Amino acid sequence: MESFSGEIFAALLALIGVVIIIAALLSGLVERSGLPQVAVFLTLGVALGPYGLGVLEIALDSPALRVVATLSLALVLFTDALTLNITEARQHSGLALRLLGPGTLLTALLVAVAGWALIGLPIAGALMLGAALASTDPVLLRGLLQRRDIPGDARVALRLESGLNDVVLLPVVVVAMSFVSEASRVGGAGLARLTLDLFVLGPGAGILVGLLGVAALDLVRSRIGVRRDYESLYSLGVAFAAFGAAEAVHGSGFLAAFAAGMTISALDVELCDCFAEYGGVTAEMLLLFTFVLLGGSLIWTGFSMTDGPILLFTAIAILIRTPVYLLSLSGSAVCRRGRLLIAWFGPSGLSSLLLILLPVFAGVSGSDRLFAICSLVVLASVVVHGGSPMLLAGAERRRARREGAQAVNGQALGDAERISIEELKHLREAGEPVTLLDVRTARSLEGSENQAQGAVRVPPDRVTERAKDLGLEQEAWLVAYCT
């Protein structure tokens, strides 16, 4: 390609490097403050885009955006499935049905009705936009799920919704697209072919690739052994292979990625753990990189068409979830505070943008306008929903200051995440079961082989395996130290 010069390649590498560096440097601040991580990278996109330094200018028809967005959506669906706890989903199947049926689908329908009634969207376009905006963003949601003050039932519900709602909404977008761009196919034969491609060939290819991937890994793992960090990269390879296999047989590569992730989740828990430890970070970097590309100029295009009906639609798209989910969760076992959190916190983010980009890439008429409206709602959601964890973090800090330190048998423990030598002594004197873990990296260990008395060596990249080998008590205090 003549247009792909060495200068463009160097600029792309530099941009990727900047995303990784900033994500690493600000990770602690983001976690402690509750600041939405996506806001940081949208700001970076503005700084690099036409409104800033002018070194990043991406259009909707850019091949780079299409490649990155396609990979990102495939990874979102794969990660949703891979991190889904199958046992938990079975145990809370009734809750999942409430969330996905009267919750997700009704929200999408009401947003679509608002788009049709208020801003004059055609029915198919309104359905595409409604389905996209009903998607719950995994990047924005992650900060909330990591909070320890979230009720357990609310955490389970949000985790289930985040893992399953994209795979429910994707077919709505694809079917609506077929009514706009290929109306001639939507007869009996066309609908049958679309159903075959979407629900048979795509998931079938994903399940097949997932089964072969798990079988091959089990064989090599038992005969030779596989490094744990490479297992996470292996899972990414399975995701991309499933996508490619499905597209090769004209199936849905996105549903194939989800099916492959679900297959791995059901058959190989260790591989899922490896992905959570290593591959999940890689996938998240790609998602944040997508936010930078969109943050250059594209995501701000919604402001150019702002008027009264658009602003009213934006408010409805953000707020309609609350009454719908409160209604769908009425009579469930979720506590009142949990229901309020679930009903309120349904952020629209990258997954919404990736879904609405599908008709853009397919050349569907009017899709540029759909993207602009979706972008406006996403920006409002980042502010409204993205700020919620910050408010919760501030409330938690105030509550912690009021309650003071925790007490164990009359002895105060300060920070729940750190423990001093004196506090460790108090625990042992009180007869509490305590295991001291030496989790220094190999490089730190080379600097000093001295080890705390009674400590057990646990390499940081083999914690699960080593804990099983040692038979560590699950109810014991595990105190890890490093240098």
Protein backbone atom coordinates (compact mmCIF):
# COMPACT_ATOMS: atom_id res chain seq x y z
CA MET A 1 0.00 0.00 0.00
CA GLU A 2 1.50 3.25 -1.11
CA SER A 3 -0.42 5.25 1.50
CA PHE A 4 1.05 3.20 4.33
CA SER A 5 4.43 4.86 4.69
CA GLY A 6 7.14 4.42 7.27
CA GLU A 7 6.10 7.72 8.87
CA ILE A 8 2.51 6.51 9.34
CA PHE A 9 3.77 3.24 10.81
CA ALA A 10 6.06 5.08 13.24
CA ALA A 11 3.22 7.42 14.28
CA LEU A 12 0.93 4.43 14.88
CA LEU A 13 3.53 2.70 17.05
CA ALA A 14 4.09 5.92 18.98
CA LEU A 15 0.35 6.27 19.59
CA ILE A 16 0.07 2.69 20.83
CA GLY A 17 3.04 3.30 23.10
CA VAL A 18 1.48 6.46 24.53
CA VAL A 19 -1.78 4.61 25.27
CA ILE A 20 0.05 1.83 27.13
CA ILE A 21 2.28 4.24 29.08
CA ILE A 22 -0.58 6.48 30.19
CA ALA A 23 -2.77 3.50 31.09
CA ALA A 24 0.00 2.13 33.30
CA LEU A 25 0.93 5.44 34.95
CA LEU A 26 -2.64 6.41 35.77
CA SER A 27 -3.92 2.97 36.75
CA GLY A 28 -3.46 3.58 40.47
CA LEU A 29 -5.05 7.03 40.37
CA VAL A 30 -8.00 5.74 38.36
CA GLU A 31 -8.57 2.86 40.77
CA ARG A 32 -8.39 4.99 43.93
CA SER A 33 -10.36 7.99 42.68
CA GLY A 34 -13.02 6.22 40.63
CA LEU A 35 -12.16 8.51 37.69
CA PRO A 36 -13.55 6.94 34.49
CA GLN A 37 -10.59 5.61 32.56
CA VAL A 38 -12.27 6.24 29.22
CA ALA A 39 -12.46 9.96 29.99
CA VAL A 40 -8.67 10.05 30.22
CA PHE A 41 -8.26 8.48 26.79
CA LEU A 42 -10.96 10.57 25.18
CA THR A 43 -9.03 13.59 26.43
CA LEU A 44 -5.85 12.13 24.94
CA GLY A 45 -7.67 11.71 21.63
CA VAL A 46 -8.72 15.37 21.70
CA ALA A 47 -5.14 16.43 22.44
CA LEU A 48 -3.81 14.44 19.49
CA GLY A 49 -6.69 15.15 17.10
CA PRO A 50 -7.60 18.09 14.86
CA TYR A 51 -8.69 20.18 17.86
CA GLY A 52 -5.29 19.69 19.49
CA LEU A 53 -1.91 18.86 17.98
CA GLY A 54 -3.42 17.68 14.71
CA VAL A 55 -1.39 14.47 14.50
CA LEU A 56 -4.42 12.16 14.60
CA GLU A 57 -7.30 12.50 12.16
CA ILE A 58 -9.53 9.47 11.65
CA ALA A 59 -12.65 9.44 9.45
CA LEU A 60 -15.57 7.00 9.62
CA ASP A 61 -14.42 5.38 6.37
CA SER A 62 -10.85 4.96 7.62
CA PRO A 63 -9.54 1.37 7.13
CA ALA A 64 -7.61 1.69 10.39
CA LEU A 65 -10.79 2.46 12.32
CA ARG A 66 -12.58 -0.46 10.70
CA VAL A 67 -9.82 -2.91 11.64
CA VAL A 68 -9.46 -1.66 15.21
CA ALA A 69 -13.22 -1.46 15.79
CA THR A 70 -13.79 -4.96 14.41
CA LEU A 71 -11.06 -6.45 16.60
CA SER A 72 -12.37 -4.52 19.60
CA LEU A 73 -15.96 -5.74 19.21
CA ALA A 74 -14.76 -9.32 18.73
CA LEU A 75 -12.67 -9.02 21.89
CA VAL A 76 -15.54 -7.44 23.85
CA LEU A 77 -17.79 -10.40 23.01
CA PHE A 78 -15.02 -12.96 23.60
CA THR A 79 -14.10 -11.41 26.93
CA ASP A 80 -17.76 -11.21 27.96
CA ALA A 81 -18.13 -14.95 27.41
CA LEU A 82 -14.74 -16.00 28.77
CA THR A 83 -15.15 -14.13 32.05
CA LEU A 84 -18.73 -15.31 32.51
CA ASN A 85 -19.07 -17.74 35.40
CA ILE A 86 -21.23 -20.51 33.94
CA THR A 87 -22.09 -21.92 37.37
CA GLU A 88 -23.09 -18.48 38.60
CA ALA A 89 -25.22 -17.91 35.49
CA ARG A 90 -27.05 -21.20 36.07
CA GLN A 91 -27.61 -20.45 39.75
CA HIS A 92 -29.05 -17.02 38.91
CA SER A 93 -30.79 -17.93 35.64
CA GLY A 94 -34.01 -16.26 36.77
CA LEU A 95 -32.17 -13.02 37.50
CA ALA A 96 -30.40 -13.21 34.13
CA LEU A 97 -33.73 -13.58 32.34
CA ARG A 98 -35.11 -10.54 34.16
CA LEU A 99 -32.08 -8.50 33.16
CA LEU A 100 -31.99 -9.54 29.51
CA GLY A 101 -35.72 -9.82 28.77
CA PRO A 102 -37.74 -7.05 30.39
CA GLY A 103 -34.49 -5.25 31.17
CA THR A 104 -32.18 -5.05 28.15
CA LEU A 105 -34.67 -5.69 25.33
CA LEU A 106 -37.40 -3.44 26.72
CA THR A 107 -34.86 -0.65 27.23
CA ALA A 108 -33.70 -1.04 23.62
CA LEU A 109 -37.29 -0.96 22.39
CA LEU A 110 -38.22 2.17 24.36
CA VAL A 111 -35.07 4.00 23.20
CA ALA A 112 -35.93 3.00 19.64
CA VAL A 113 -39.48 4.34 20.05
CA ALA A 114 -38.04 7.62 21.38
CA GLY A 115 -35.69 7.85 18.40
CA TRP A 116 -38.55 7.25 15.96
CA ALA A 117 -40.98 9.64 17.66
CA LEU A 118 -38.66 12.48 18.66
CA ILE A 119 -36.00 12.71 15.97
CA GLY A 120 -37.74 11.04 13.03
CA LEU A 121 -35.52 8.00 12.61
CA PRO A 122 -36.80 5.22 10.35
CA ILE A 123 -37.93 2.13 12.25
CA ALA A 124 -34.89 0.04 11.29
CA GLY A 125 -32.49 2.86 12.15
CA ALA A 126 -34.26 3.47 15.46
CA LEU A 127 -33.94 -0.24 16.33
CA MET A 128 -30.21 -0.19 15.54
CA LEU A 129 -29.68 2.87 17.72
CA GLY A 130 -31.86 1.51 20.54
CA ALA A 131 -29.99 -1.81 20.59
CA ALA A 132 -26.60 -0.06 20.58
CA LEU A 133 -27.52 2.29 23.44
CA ALA A 134 -28.95 -0.55 25.56
CA SER A 135 -25.50 -2.16 25.66
CA THR A 136 -23.69 -1.88 29.00
CA ASP A 137 -20.07 -0.84 28.58
CA PRO A 138 -17.58 -3.30 30.19
CA VAL A 139 -14.78 -0.74 30.55
CA LEU A 140 -16.92 1.78 32.45
CA LEU A 141 -18.56 -0.99 34.48
CA ARG A 142 -15.28 -2.54 35.59
CA GLY A 143 -14.51 0.29 38.01
CA LEU A 144 -17.83 -0.19 39.79
CA LEU A 145 -17.52 -3.98 40.04
CA GLN A 146 -14.14 -3.65 41.72
CA ARG A 147 -15.64 -1.69 44.60
CA ARG A 148 -16.00 -3.66 47.83
CA ASP A 149 -19.02 -1.71 49.05
CA ILE A 150 -21.28 -2.92 46.22
CA PRO A 151 -23.89 -5.45 47.47
CA GLY A 152 -23.10 -8.99 46.37
CA ASP A 153 -26.39 -9.55 44.54
CA ALA A 154 -25.97 -6.28 42.63
CA ARG A 155 -22.43 -7.27 41.67
CA VAL A 156 -23.68 -10.63 40.35
CA ALA A 157 -26.49 -8.96 38.39
CA LEU A 158 -24.24 -6.37 36.75
CA ARG A 159 -21.66 -9.04 35.95
CA LEU A 160 -24.31 -11.22 34.29
CA GLU A 161 -25.75 -8.30 32.34
CA SER A 162 -22.34 -7.15 31.16
CA GLY A 163 -21.46 -10.67 30.03
CA LEU A 164 -24.67 -11.44 28.17
CA ASN A 165 -26.40 -8.31 26.91
CA ASP A 166 -24.09 -7.64 23.93
CA VAL A 167 -24.75 -11.08 22.45
CA VAL A 168 -28.50 -10.41 22.77
CA LEU A 169 -28.31 -6.95 21.17
CA LEU A 170 -25.92 -7.77 18.31
CA PRO A 171 -28.53 -9.82 16.37
CA VAL A 172 -31.02 -6.93 16.70
CA VAL A 173 -28.52 -4.60 14.99
CA VAL A 174 -27.66 -7.12 12.27
CA VAL A 175 -31.28 -7.99 11.47
CA ALA A 176 -32.29 -4.30 11.40
CA MET A 177 -29.36 -3.64 9.04
CA SER A 178 -30.66 -6.28 6.64
CA PHE A 179 -34.00 -4.47 6.36
CA VAL A 180 -32.24 -1.25 5.35
CA SER A 181 -29.35 -2.35 3.14
CA GLU A 182 -30.63 -5.58 1.67
CA ALA A 183 -34.40 -5.30 1.61
CA SER A 184 -34.61 -7.70 -1.29
CA ARG A 185 -33.19 -10.52 0.81
CA VAL A 186 -35.67 -10.16 3.66
CA GLY A 187 -38.23 -12.52 2.27
CA GLY A 188 -38.68 -16.10 3.35
CA ALA A 189 -35.43 -17.34 1.77
CA GLY A 190 -33.46 -14.23 2.78
CA LEU A 191 -34.59 -14.43 6.38
CA ALA A 192 -33.77 -18.14 6.51
CA ARG A 193 -30.28 -17.45 5.15
CA LEU A 194 -29.74 -14.63 7.63
CA THR A 195 -30.85 -16.87 10.50
CA LEU A 196 -28.48 -19.61 9.32
CA ASP A 197 -25.54 -17.21 9.06
CA LEU A 198 -26.23 -15.51 12.36
CA PHE A 199 -27.34 -18.28 14.69
CA VAL A 200 -25.90 -21.49 13.20
CA LEU A 201 -22.75 -20.92 11.15
CA GLY A 202 -21.27 -18.24 13.43
CA PRO A 203 -21.79 -19.93 16.81
CA GLY A 204 -21.05 -23.35 15.26
CA ALA A 205 -17.66 -22.19 13.98
CA GLY A 206 -16.90 -20.60 17.34
CA ILE A 207 -17.78 -23.74 19.31
CA LEU A 208 -15.72 -25.91 16.95
CA VAL A 209 -12.65 -23.66 17.19
CA GLY A 210 -13.09 -23.45 20.96
CA LEU A 211 -13.30 -27.23 21.33
CA LEU A 212 -10.25 -27.78 19.12
CA GLY A 213 -8.34 -25.06 20.96
CA VAL A 214 -9.04 -26.51 24.42
CA ALA A 215 -8.25 -30.07 23.23
CA ALA A 216 -4.94 -29.01 21.67
CA LEU A 217 -3.94 -27.06 24.77
CA ASP A 218 -4.82 -29.95 27.10
CA LEU A 219 -2.74 -32.33 24.99
CA VAL A 220 0.34 -30.11 24.88
CA ARG A 221 -0.07 -29.06 28.51
CA SER A 222 -0.08 -32.69 29.70
CA ARG A 223 2.81 -33.80 27.46
CA ILE A 224 5.17 -30.83 27.44
CA GLY A 225 3.73 -28.02 29.51
CA VAL A 226 2.72 -24.48 28.53
CA ARG A 227 3.89 -21.29 30.20
CA ARG A 228 1.04 -19.60 32.05
CA ASP A 229 1.55 -16.19 30.46
CA TYR A 230 1.42 -17.74 26.97
CA GLU A 231 -1.89 -19.42 27.76
CA SER A 232 -3.51 -15.99 27.87
CA LEU A 233 -2.10 -15.17 24.43
CA TYR A 234 -3.39 -18.56 23.31
CA SER A 235 -6.90 -17.55 24.29
CA LEU A 236 -6.61 -14.38 22.18
CA GLY A 237 -5.50 -16.56 19.28
CA VAL A 238 -8.58 -18.74 19.70
CA ALA A 239 -10.79 -15.64 19.61
CA PHE A 240 -9.31 -14.36 16.35
CA ALA A 241 -9.28 -17.84 14.79
CA ALA A 242 -12.97 -18.30 15.64
CA PHE A 243 -13.80 -14.93 14.10
CA GLY A 244 -11.90 -15.75 10.91
CA ALA A 245 -13.39 -19.26 10.62
CA ALA A 246 -16.95 -17.95 10.90
CA GLU A 247 -16.40 -15.17 8.38
CA ALA A 248 -14.90 -17.71 5.97
CA VAL A 249 -18.20 -19.65 5.93
CA HIS A 250 -20.24 -16.40 5.82
CA GLY A 251 -21.29 -16.68 9.46
CA SER A 252 -21.12 -14.01 12.14
CA GLY A 253 -17.54 -13.68 13.33
CA PHE A 254 -18.68 -11.75 16.38
CA LEU A 255 -21.06 -14.44 17.58
CA ALA A 256 -18.32 -16.98 16.82
CA ALA A 257 -15.95 -15.11 19.14
CA PHE A 258 -18.59 -15.18 21.87
CA ALA A 259 -19.28 -18.89 21.32
CA ALA A 260 -15.56 -19.69 21.47
CA GLY A 261 -15.22 -17.78 24.73
CA MET A 262 -18.24 -19.54 26.19
CA THR A 263 -16.80 -22.92 25.18
CA ILE A 264 -13.50 -22.18 26.89
CA SER A 265 -15.31 -20.86 29.97
CA ALA A 266 -17.28 -24.12 30.23
CA LEU A 267 -14.32 -26.46 29.65
CA ASP A 268 -11.10 -24.84 30.87
CA VAL A 269 -11.25 -22.72 34.03
CA GLU A 270 -7.45 -22.43 34.21
CA LEU A 271 -7.29 -20.85 30.75
CA CYS A 272 -9.97 -18.36 31.82
CA ASP A 273 -7.87 -17.46 34.88
CA CYS A 274 -4.81 -16.95 32.69
CA PHE A 275 -6.75 -14.63 30.41
CA ALA A 276 -7.98 -12.63 33.39
CA GLU A 277 -4.38 -12.23 34.61
CA TYR A 278 -2.64 -11.38 31.34
CA GLY A 279 -4.84 -11.39 28.23
CA GLY A 280 -7.53 -9.22 29.77
CA VAL A 281 -5.07 -6.34 30.09
CA THR A 282 -4.04 -6.75 26.45
CA ALA A 283 -7.67 -6.69 25.35
CA GLU A 284 -8.38 -3.62 27.47
CA MET A 285 -5.47 -1.75 25.91
CA LEU A 286 -6.99 -2.32 22.48
CA LEU A 287 -10.35 -1.02 23.72
CA LEU A 288 -8.72 2.10 25.18
CA PHE A 289 -6.78 2.60 21.95
CA THR A 290 -10.13 2.57 20.13
CA PHE A 291 -11.35 5.31 22.47
CA VAL A 292 -8.30 7.40 21.54
CA LEU A 293 -9.04 6.99 17.82
CA LEU A 294 -12.68 7.94 18.30
CA GLY A 295 -11.78 10.76 20.68
CA GLY A 296 -9.76 12.57 18.02
CA SER A 297 -12.81 14.07 16.33
CA LEU A 298 -15.44 11.44 15.52
CA ILE A 299 -17.09 11.13 18.91
CA TRP A 300 -17.63 14.89 19.08
CA THR A 301 -19.65 15.04 15.83
CA GLY A 302 -22.90 14.75 17.79
CA PHE A 303 -22.53 18.30 19.09
CA SER A 304 -22.96 19.68 15.56
CA MET A 305 -26.55 18.42 15.40
CA THR A 306 -27.63 19.27 18.94
CA ASP A 307 -31.16 20.69 19.21
CA GLY A 308 -34.15 20.34 21.52
CA PRO A 309 -35.39 16.92 20.28
CA ILE A 310 -31.85 15.50 20.27
CA LEU A 311 -31.21 16.67 23.83
CA LEU A 312 -34.56 15.24 24.97
CA PHE A 313 -33.73 11.93 23.29
CA THR A 314 -30.32 11.90 25.00
CA ALA A 315 -31.94 12.38 28.40
CA ILE A 316 -34.46 9.61 27.73
CA ALA A 317 -31.75 7.23 26.47
CA ILE A 318 -29.82 7.69 29.72
CA LEU A 319 -32.71 7.77 32.19
CA ILE A 320 -35.18 5.25 30.75
CA ARG A 321 -33.13 2.34 32.08
CA THR A 322 -33.90 3.20 35.71
CA PRO A 323 -37.70 2.66 35.71
CA VAL A 324 -37.42 -0.30 33.31
CA TYR A 325 -34.93 -2.17 35.49
CA LEU A 326 -36.69 -1.29 38.73
CA LEU A 327 -39.83 -2.81 37.23
CA SER A 328 -38.02 -5.90 35.90
CA LEU A 329 -36.29 -6.51 39.26
CA SER A 330 -39.41 -6.04 41.37
CA GLY A 331 -40.11 -9.21 43.30
CA SER A 332 -36.54 -10.49 42.88
CA ALA A 333 -34.24 -11.42 45.75
CA VAL A 334 -31.96 -8.42 45.06
CA CYS A 335 -31.88 -5.97 47.97
CA ARG A 336 -33.34 -2.47 47.59
CA ARG A 337 -29.92 -0.75 47.40
CA GLY A 338 -28.77 -3.35 44.90
CA ARG A 339 -31.83 -2.78 42.68
CA LEU A 340 -31.21 0.97 42.71
CA LEU A 341 -27.54 0.50 41.73
CA ILE A 342 -28.42 -1.90 38.91
CA ALA A 343 -31.18 0.34 37.60
CA TRP A 344 -29.02 3.45 37.64
CA PHE A 345 -25.66 2.17 36.52
CA GLY A 346 -26.04 1.11 32.89
CA PRO A 347 -23.34 3.12 31.12
CA SER A 348 -23.25 3.45 27.35
CA GLY A 349 -19.68 3.44 26.09
CA LEU A 350 -17.39 1.74 23.65
CA SER A 351 -19.61 -1.29 23.09
CA SER A 352 -22.44 1.06 22.02
CA LEU A 353 -20.14 2.82 19.56
CA LEU A 354 -18.81 -0.47 18.20
CA LEU A 355 -22.33 -1.80 17.60
CA ILE A 356 -23.47 1.35 15.81
CA LEU A 357 -20.31 1.30 13.67
CA LEU A 358 -21.47 -1.97 12.08
CA PRO A 359 -24.08 -0.24 9.86
CA VAL A 360 -21.53 2.52 9.17
CA PHE A 361 -19.02 0.00 7.83
CA ALA A 362 -21.78 -1.75 5.87
CA GLY A 363 -22.64 1.53 4.12
CA VAL A 364 -26.20 1.66 5.49
CA SER A 365 -27.97 4.88 4.51
CA GLY A 366 -28.23 7.36 7.38
CA SER A 367 -25.73 5.48 9.56
CA ASP A 368 -23.49 8.55 9.90
CA ARG A 369 -26.33 10.32 11.70
CA LEU A 370 -26.92 7.29 13.91
CA PHE A 371 -23.25 7.32 14.92
CA ALA A 372 -23.33 11.04 15.73
CA ILE A 373 -26.42 10.66 17.94
CA CYS A 374 -24.96 7.59 19.64
CA SER A 375 -21.72 9.48 20.30
CA LEU A 376 -23.60 12.31 22.00
CA VAL A 377 -25.39 9.86 24.32
CA VAL A 378 -22.13 8.04 25.08
CA LEU A 379 -20.40 11.29 26.05
CA ALA A 380 -23.29 12.20 28.34
CA SER A 381 -23.18 8.70 29.85
CA VAL A 382 -19.43 8.94 30.49
CA VAL A 383 -20.07 12.11 32.49
CA VAL A 384 -23.20 10.90 34.31
CA HIS A 385 -22.42 7.23 34.88
CA GLY A 386 -18.64 7.57 34.85
CA GLY A 387 -18.85 10.02 37.75
CA SER A 388 -20.89 7.60 39.88
CA PRO A 389 -17.89 5.54 41.06
CA MET A 390 -16.13 8.77 42.04
CA LEU A 391 -19.09 9.74 44.23
CA LEU A 392 -19.17 6.25 45.74
CA ALA A 393 -15.42 6.37 46.36
CA GLY A 394 -15.76 9.69 48.18
CA ALA A 395 -18.64 8.37 50.29
CA GLU A 396 -16.63 5.25 51.14
CA ARG A 397 -13.60 7.32 52.24
CA ARG A 398 -15.80 9.44 54.49
CA ARG A 399 -17.41 6.34 55.98
CA ALA A 400 -14.01 4.73 56.53
CA ARG A 401 -12.76 7.82 58.36
CA ARG A 402 -15.81 7.77 60.60
CA GLU A 403 -15.57 4.10 61.45
CA GLY A 404 -11.81 4.19 62.00
CA ALA A 405 -9.60 1.16 61.82
CA GLN A 406 -10.89 -2.39 61.82
CA ALA A 407 -10.37 -4.45 64.98
CA VAL A 408 -9.19 -8.03 65.31
CA ASN A 409 -9.51 -9.41 68.84
CA GLY A 410 -9.18 -5.95 70.29
CA GLN A 411 -6.17 -5.01 68.13
CA ALA A 412 -6.57 -2.37 65.44
CA LEU A 413 -5.79 -3.12 61.81
CA GLY A 414 -5.25 -0.03 59.70
CA ASP A 415 -5.48 -0.27 55.92
CA ALA A 416 -7.28 -3.46 54.89
CA GLU A 417 -4.91 -3.83 51.93
CA ARG A 418 -1.67 -3.43 53.93
CA ILE A 419 -0.54 -4.80 57.26
CA SER A 420 2.37 -3.78 59.46
CA ILE A 421 4.79 -6.06 61.30
CA GLU A 422 3.12 -5.16 64.60
CA GLU A 423 -0.31 -6.03 63.24
CA LEU A 424 1.06 -9.34 61.97
CA LYS A 425 2.39 -10.10 65.45
CA HIS A 426 -0.97 -9.29 67.00
CA LEU A 427 -2.70 -11.72 64.65
CA ARG A 428 -0.30 -14.52 65.54
CA GLU A 429 -0.54 -13.81 69.27
CA ALA A 430 -4.34 -13.96 68.98
CA GLY A 431 -4.04 -17.47 67.54
CA GLU A 432 -5.27 -16.51 64.08
CA PRO A 433 -4.13 -18.83 61.23
CA VAL A 434 -1.59 -16.76 59.29
CA THR A 435 0.49 -17.77 56.27
CA LEU A 436 3.27 -15.43 55.16
CA LEU A 437 3.81 -15.44 51.38
CA ASP A 438 7.01 -14.36 49.66
CA VAL A 439 5.71 -13.07 46.31
CA ARG A 440 8.83 -11.26 45.13
CA THR A 441 9.56 -11.39 41.42
CA ALA A 442 12.53 -13.36 40.14
CA ARG A 443 14.53 -10.15 39.67
CA SER A 444 13.85 -8.97 43.23
CA LEU A 445 14.77 -12.41 44.55
CA GLU A 446 18.11 -12.24 42.75
CA GLY A 447 18.95 -9.07 44.67
CA SER A 448 18.43 -10.73 48.05
CA GLU A 449 17.72 -14.38 48.77
CA ASN A 450 16.95 -13.65 52.44
CA GLN A 451 13.43 -14.68 53.36
CA ALA A 452 11.18 -13.78 56.27
CA GLN A 453 11.01 -16.48 58.92
CA GLY A 454 8.22 -18.96 58.23
CA ALA A 455 7.44 -17.49 54.81
CA VAL A 456 6.42 -19.64 51.85
CA ARG A 457 7.80 -18.84 48.42
CA VAL A 458 4.98 -18.19 45.90
CA PRO A 459 6.05 -16.89 42.46
CA PRO A 460 3.68 -14.04 41.48
CA ASP A 461 2.91 -15.64 38.10
CA ARG A 462 2.04 -19.04 39.63
CA VAL A 463 -0.04 -18.09 42.67
CA THR A 464 -2.99 -20.39 41.97
CA GLU A 465 -0.89 -23.45 41.15
CA ARG A 466 1.44 -22.91 44.12
CA ALA A 467 -1.48 -22.38 46.54
CA LYS A 468 -2.99 -25.68 45.44
CA ASP A 469 0.35 -27.48 45.79
CA LEU A 470 0.82 -26.14 49.33
CA GLY A 471 -2.78 -26.82 50.34
CA LEU A 472 -3.20 -23.33 51.82
CA GLU A 473 -6.26 -22.85 54.01
CA GLN A 474 -8.91 -20.70 52.33
CA GLU A 475 -10.02 -19.22 55.64
CA ALA A 476 -6.50 -18.34 56.84
CA TRP A 477 -4.93 -14.88 56.76
CA LEU A 478 -2.65 -14.73 53.70
CA VAL A 479 -0.04 -12.00 54.16
CA ALA A 480 2.03 -11.37 51.04
CA TYR A 481 5.21 -9.31 50.96
CA CYS A 482 7.60 -8.17 48.24
CA THR A 483 10.49 -5.75 47.82
